[in-house]
Amino acid sequence: MNKSLDNVRARFDSAAAEWDSNPGRVALARAVVAAIRNVVKLRPDMSVMDFGAGTGLITLGLVPYVASITAVDTSSEMLRMLDQKLKVQQVRNVRTLHRDIADVSRLPVEFDLIVSSMVLHHIQDVPQVLQQLRSSLRPGGFVALADLESEDGSFHTDPTGVYHRGFDRLQVCRWLQAAGFTATEAREAHQMVRTSSDGKNRIYPVFLVTGRAD
């Protein structure tokens, strides 16, 4: 039994019901969706995976522009909240898939685009997972991955399941290139603002990196 993984699942399971009530998370998701749309030419025939989908904030933002989305997450409660939203909103082109995001070797090989937001810093071996994601893309498919710029560790008040204090965006591009992606790009997607204990606002930039699987 992997106690570390169990702790991460428990943390996100317990947070699922209130996840969408945080306006900062909603604003981040909207910004990431907009950034993805600015970089990747979305098509109505696209099959997409939202990797680490949570309650589906990114998934639901992309739904109108693609054919289908597979929402993958480690937390069954997060996916249950998404399933409820899909039912209420009568969304029929999304399926949820409960998988450990640190081991994506069993995912189907069928996607034109893989997206994620704020997921990579929860993965211990990022280069390995990027290689696995590459194998789940059709030729010519894309990845679009958003995460924190390198920070001092103050972003997370609860470090459970946090393996990285953000990233150098160019390092993530190099990992993508090593995994076989081409046309890699990196840009700022959003800035998250949080008030520290001394009353000052802290800004945490979020980047979007993209690459093509030729």
Protein backbone atom coordinates (compact mmCIF):
# COMPACT_ATOMS: atom_id res chain seq x y z
CA MET A 1 0.00 0.00 0.00
CA ASN A 2 1.33 3.43 -0.98
CA LYS A 3 0.63 5.59 2.09
CA SER A 4 1.84 8.74 0.35
CA LEU A 5 -0.62 8.24 -2.50
CA ASP A 6 -3.40 7.45 -0.02
CA ASN A 7 -2.69 10.73 1.79
CA VAL A 8 -2.87 12.68 -1.46
CA ARG A 9 -6.15 11.02 -2.41
CA ALA A 10 -7.59 11.72 1.03
CA ARG A 11 -6.56 15.38 0.82
CA PHE A 12 -8.22 15.97 -2.54
CA ASP A 13 -11.23 13.80 -1.74
CA SER A 14 -11.92 15.92 1.33
CA ALA A 15 -11.51 19.17 -0.63
CA ALA A 16 -13.68 18.17 -3.60
CA ALA A 17 -17.04 19.48 -2.37
CA GLU A 18 -15.72 23.02 -1.83
CA TRP A 19 -13.15 23.09 -4.63
CA ASP A 20 -15.14 25.26 -7.04
CA SER A 21 -16.05 27.80 -4.35
CA ASN A 22 -12.56 29.32 -4.55
CA PRO A 23 -12.79 32.22 -7.05
CA GLY A 24 -9.04 32.13 -7.60
CA ARG A 25 -9.25 28.56 -8.92
CA VAL A 26 -12.13 29.48 -11.23
CA ALA A 27 -10.23 32.49 -12.57
CA LEU A 28 -7.12 30.36 -13.11
CA ALA A 29 -9.09 27.76 -15.06
CA ARG A 30 -10.61 30.42 -17.31
CA ALA A 31 -7.19 31.91 -17.97
CA VAL A 32 -5.65 28.53 -18.77
CA VAL A 33 -8.49 27.63 -21.13
CA ALA A 34 -8.04 30.98 -22.89
CA ALA A 35 -4.27 30.42 -23.14
CA ILE A 36 -4.79 26.94 -24.59
CA ARG A 37 -7.22 28.29 -27.17
CA ASN A 38 -4.71 30.99 -28.13
CA VAL A 39 -1.93 28.49 -28.77
CA VAL A 40 -3.62 25.29 -29.97
CA LYS A 41 -6.04 25.33 -32.88
CA LEU A 42 -8.95 23.41 -31.39
CA ARG A 43 -11.09 21.41 -33.80
CA PRO A 44 -14.58 19.91 -33.47
CA ASP A 45 -13.17 16.44 -34.21
CA MET A 46 -10.55 16.49 -31.43
CA SER A 47 -10.28 13.83 -28.73
CA VAL A 48 -8.86 15.41 -25.56
CA MET A 49 -7.56 14.17 -22.22
CA ASP A 50 -7.68 16.48 -19.20
CA PHE A 51 -4.89 15.02 -17.08
CA GLY A 52 -5.54 15.63 -13.40
CA ALA A 53 -8.96 17.05 -14.21
CA GLY A 54 -10.21 17.50 -10.66
CA THR A 55 -13.77 18.85 -10.70
CA GLY A 56 -13.53 19.61 -14.41
CA LEU A 57 -12.98 23.36 -14.50
CA ILE A 58 -10.67 23.01 -17.52
CA THR A 59 -12.74 20.18 -19.02
CA LEU A 60 -15.96 22.17 -19.05
CA GLY A 61 -14.18 25.20 -20.45
CA LEU A 62 -13.00 23.18 -23.45
CA VAL A 63 -16.16 21.13 -24.04
CA PRO A 64 -17.75 23.46 -26.62
CA TYR A 65 -14.71 23.36 -28.90
CA VAL A 66 -13.84 19.65 -29.21
CA ALA A 67 -15.47 16.30 -29.92
CA SER A 68 -14.81 14.49 -26.65
CA ILE A 69 -12.86 14.79 -23.40
CA THR A 70 -11.60 12.08 -21.05
CA ALA A 71 -11.20 13.56 -17.57
CA VAL A 72 -8.56 11.64 -15.60
CA ASP A 73 -7.88 12.10 -11.90
CA THR A 74 -6.51 10.32 -8.83
CA SER A 75 -9.38 11.54 -6.63
CA SER A 76 -12.66 9.67 -6.99
CA GLU A 77 -14.48 12.45 -5.11
CA MET A 78 -13.23 15.10 -7.52
CA LEU A 79 -14.52 13.00 -10.40
CA ARG A 80 -17.82 12.43 -8.61
CA MET A 81 -18.30 16.20 -8.41
CA LEU A 82 -17.53 16.43 -12.13
CA ASP A 83 -19.99 13.64 -12.91
CA GLN A 84 -22.68 15.59 -11.05
CA LYS A 85 -21.97 18.71 -13.08
CA LEU A 86 -22.03 16.74 -16.31
CA LYS A 87 -25.46 15.37 -15.42
CA VAL A 88 -26.90 18.75 -14.40
CA GLN A 89 -25.51 20.49 -17.48
CA GLN A 90 -26.43 17.56 -19.74
CA VAL A 91 -22.93 17.29 -21.14
CA ARG A 92 -22.60 14.05 -23.09
CA ASN A 93 -19.15 14.23 -24.66
CA VAL A 94 -17.12 13.83 -21.44
CA ARG A 95 -16.19 10.62 -19.65
CA THR A 96 -14.40 10.38 -16.31
CA LEU A 97 -11.57 7.94 -15.66
CA HIS A 98 -10.18 7.18 -12.19
CA ARG A 99 -6.42 6.64 -12.48
CA ASP A 100 -3.26 7.40 -10.53
CA ILE A 101 -1.80 10.43 -12.34
CA ALA A 102 1.71 9.29 -11.46
CA ASP A 103 1.21 6.13 -13.55
CA VAL A 104 -0.49 6.77 -16.87
CA SER A 105 0.84 3.65 -18.58
CA ARG A 106 -2.66 2.13 -18.79
CA LEU A 107 -4.32 5.05 -20.54
CA PRO A 108 -5.80 4.53 -24.01
CA VAL A 109 -3.84 5.70 -27.04
CA GLU A 110 -6.39 7.89 -28.73
CA PHE A 111 -5.87 11.58 -28.02
CA ASP A 112 -5.27 14.61 -30.22
CA LEU A 113 -4.63 16.90 -27.25
CA ILE A 114 -3.63 16.40 -23.61
CA VAL A 115 -4.11 19.31 -21.22
CA SER A 116 -3.39 19.79 -17.53
CA SER A 117 -3.42 22.61 -15.01
CA MET A 118 -1.48 22.72 -11.73
CA VAL A 119 -0.77 18.99 -11.90
CA LEU A 120 2.93 18.62 -12.67
CA HIS A 121 4.09 19.79 -9.25
CA HIS A 122 2.16 16.87 -7.74
CA ILE A 123 4.17 14.36 -9.80
CA GLN A 124 7.52 13.13 -8.51
CA ASP A 125 9.03 11.98 -11.81
CA VAL A 126 7.79 14.53 -14.33
CA PRO A 127 10.02 13.49 -17.28
CA GLN A 128 8.79 9.90 -17.06
CA VAL A 129 5.14 10.94 -17.03
CA LEU A 130 5.70 13.25 -19.99
CA GLN A 131 7.10 10.30 -21.94
CA GLN A 132 4.01 8.27 -21.03
CA LEU A 133 1.72 11.08 -22.11
CA ARG A 134 3.57 11.25 -25.43
CA SER A 135 2.65 7.61 -26.06
CA SER A 136 -1.05 8.42 -25.54
CA LEU A 137 -1.11 11.00 -28.34
CA ARG A 138 -1.88 10.42 -31.97
CA PRO A 139 0.77 11.66 -34.43
CA GLY A 140 0.47 15.42 -34.71
CA GLY A 141 -1.24 15.71 -31.34
CA PHE A 142 -0.42 18.36 -28.75
CA VAL A 143 0.18 18.78 -25.06
CA ALA A 144 -0.69 22.00 -23.24
CA LEU A 145 0.46 22.00 -19.62
CA ALA A 146 0.00 24.81 -17.11
CA ASP A 147 1.81 25.04 -13.79
CA LEU A 148 3.54 27.34 -11.33
CA GLU A 149 6.74 29.17 -12.05
CA SER A 150 9.50 28.35 -9.56
CA GLU A 151 8.52 29.71 -6.14
CA ASP A 152 9.85 29.69 -2.57
CA GLY A 153 7.44 27.08 -1.20
CA SER A 154 4.97 29.62 0.19
CA PHE A 155 2.25 28.84 -2.34
CA HIS A 156 1.03 25.68 -0.63
CA THR A 157 -0.09 25.90 2.99
CA ASP A 158 -0.46 22.10 2.94
CA PRO A 159 2.53 20.45 1.23
CA THR A 160 0.93 16.97 1.10
CA GLY A 161 1.66 15.50 -2.32
CA VAL A 162 3.68 18.52 -3.46
CA TYR A 163 6.98 17.36 -4.99
CA HIS A 164 8.10 20.58 -6.70
CA ARG A 165 8.08 24.26 -5.77
CA GLY A 166 7.04 25.20 -9.27
CA PHE A 167 9.28 24.91 -12.31
CA ASP A 168 11.54 26.78 -14.65
CA ARG A 169 9.28 26.81 -17.71
CA LEU A 170 12.23 26.30 -20.05
CA GLN A 171 13.20 23.17 -18.12
CA VAL A 172 9.72 21.78 -18.76
CA CYS A 173 10.22 22.53 -22.46
CA ARG A 174 13.49 20.60 -22.37
CA TRP A 175 11.74 17.66 -20.72
CA LEU A 176 9.12 17.75 -23.49
CA GLN A 177 11.84 17.75 -26.14
CA ALA A 178 13.54 14.78 -24.45
CA ALA A 179 10.20 12.96 -24.52
CA GLY A 180 9.97 13.43 -28.29
CA PHE A 181 7.90 16.61 -28.60
CA THR A 182 8.71 19.32 -31.12
CA ALA A 183 7.63 22.94 -31.56
CA THR A 184 7.77 23.48 -27.80
CA GLU A 185 6.74 26.90 -26.53
CA ALA A 186 6.31 28.54 -23.13
CA ARG A 187 4.40 31.64 -22.11
CA GLU A 188 2.75 33.16 -19.08
CA ALA A 189 -0.91 32.17 -18.77
CA HIS A 190 -2.01 33.81 -15.52
CA GLN A 191 -0.91 35.43 -12.29
CA MET A 192 -2.34 34.19 -9.02
CA VAL A 193 -2.41 36.69 -6.15
CA ARG A 194 -2.41 35.61 -2.51
CA THR A 195 -2.16 37.63 0.68
CA SER A 196 0.68 36.52 2.94
CA SER A 197 0.64 36.50 6.75
CA ASP A 198 2.18 39.99 6.81
CA GLY A 199 -0.74 41.37 4.80
CA LYS A 200 1.22 41.79 1.58
CA ASN A 201 0.05 40.44 -1.75
CA ARG A 202 2.24 37.75 -3.31
CA ILE A 203 2.12 37.12 -7.05
CA TYR A 204 2.60 33.58 -8.35
CA PRO A 205 2.92 33.39 -12.16
CA VAL A 206 1.47 30.37 -13.96
CA PHE A 207 2.98 29.32 -17.30
CA LEU A 208 1.64 27.29 -20.19
CA VAL A 209 4.01 25.04 -22.13
CA THR A 210 2.98 23.35 -25.37
CA GLY A 211 4.50 20.77 -27.67
CA ARG A 212 3.61 18.67 -30.70
CA ALA A 213 3.94 14.90 -31.04
CA ASP A 214 5.23 14.44 -34.60
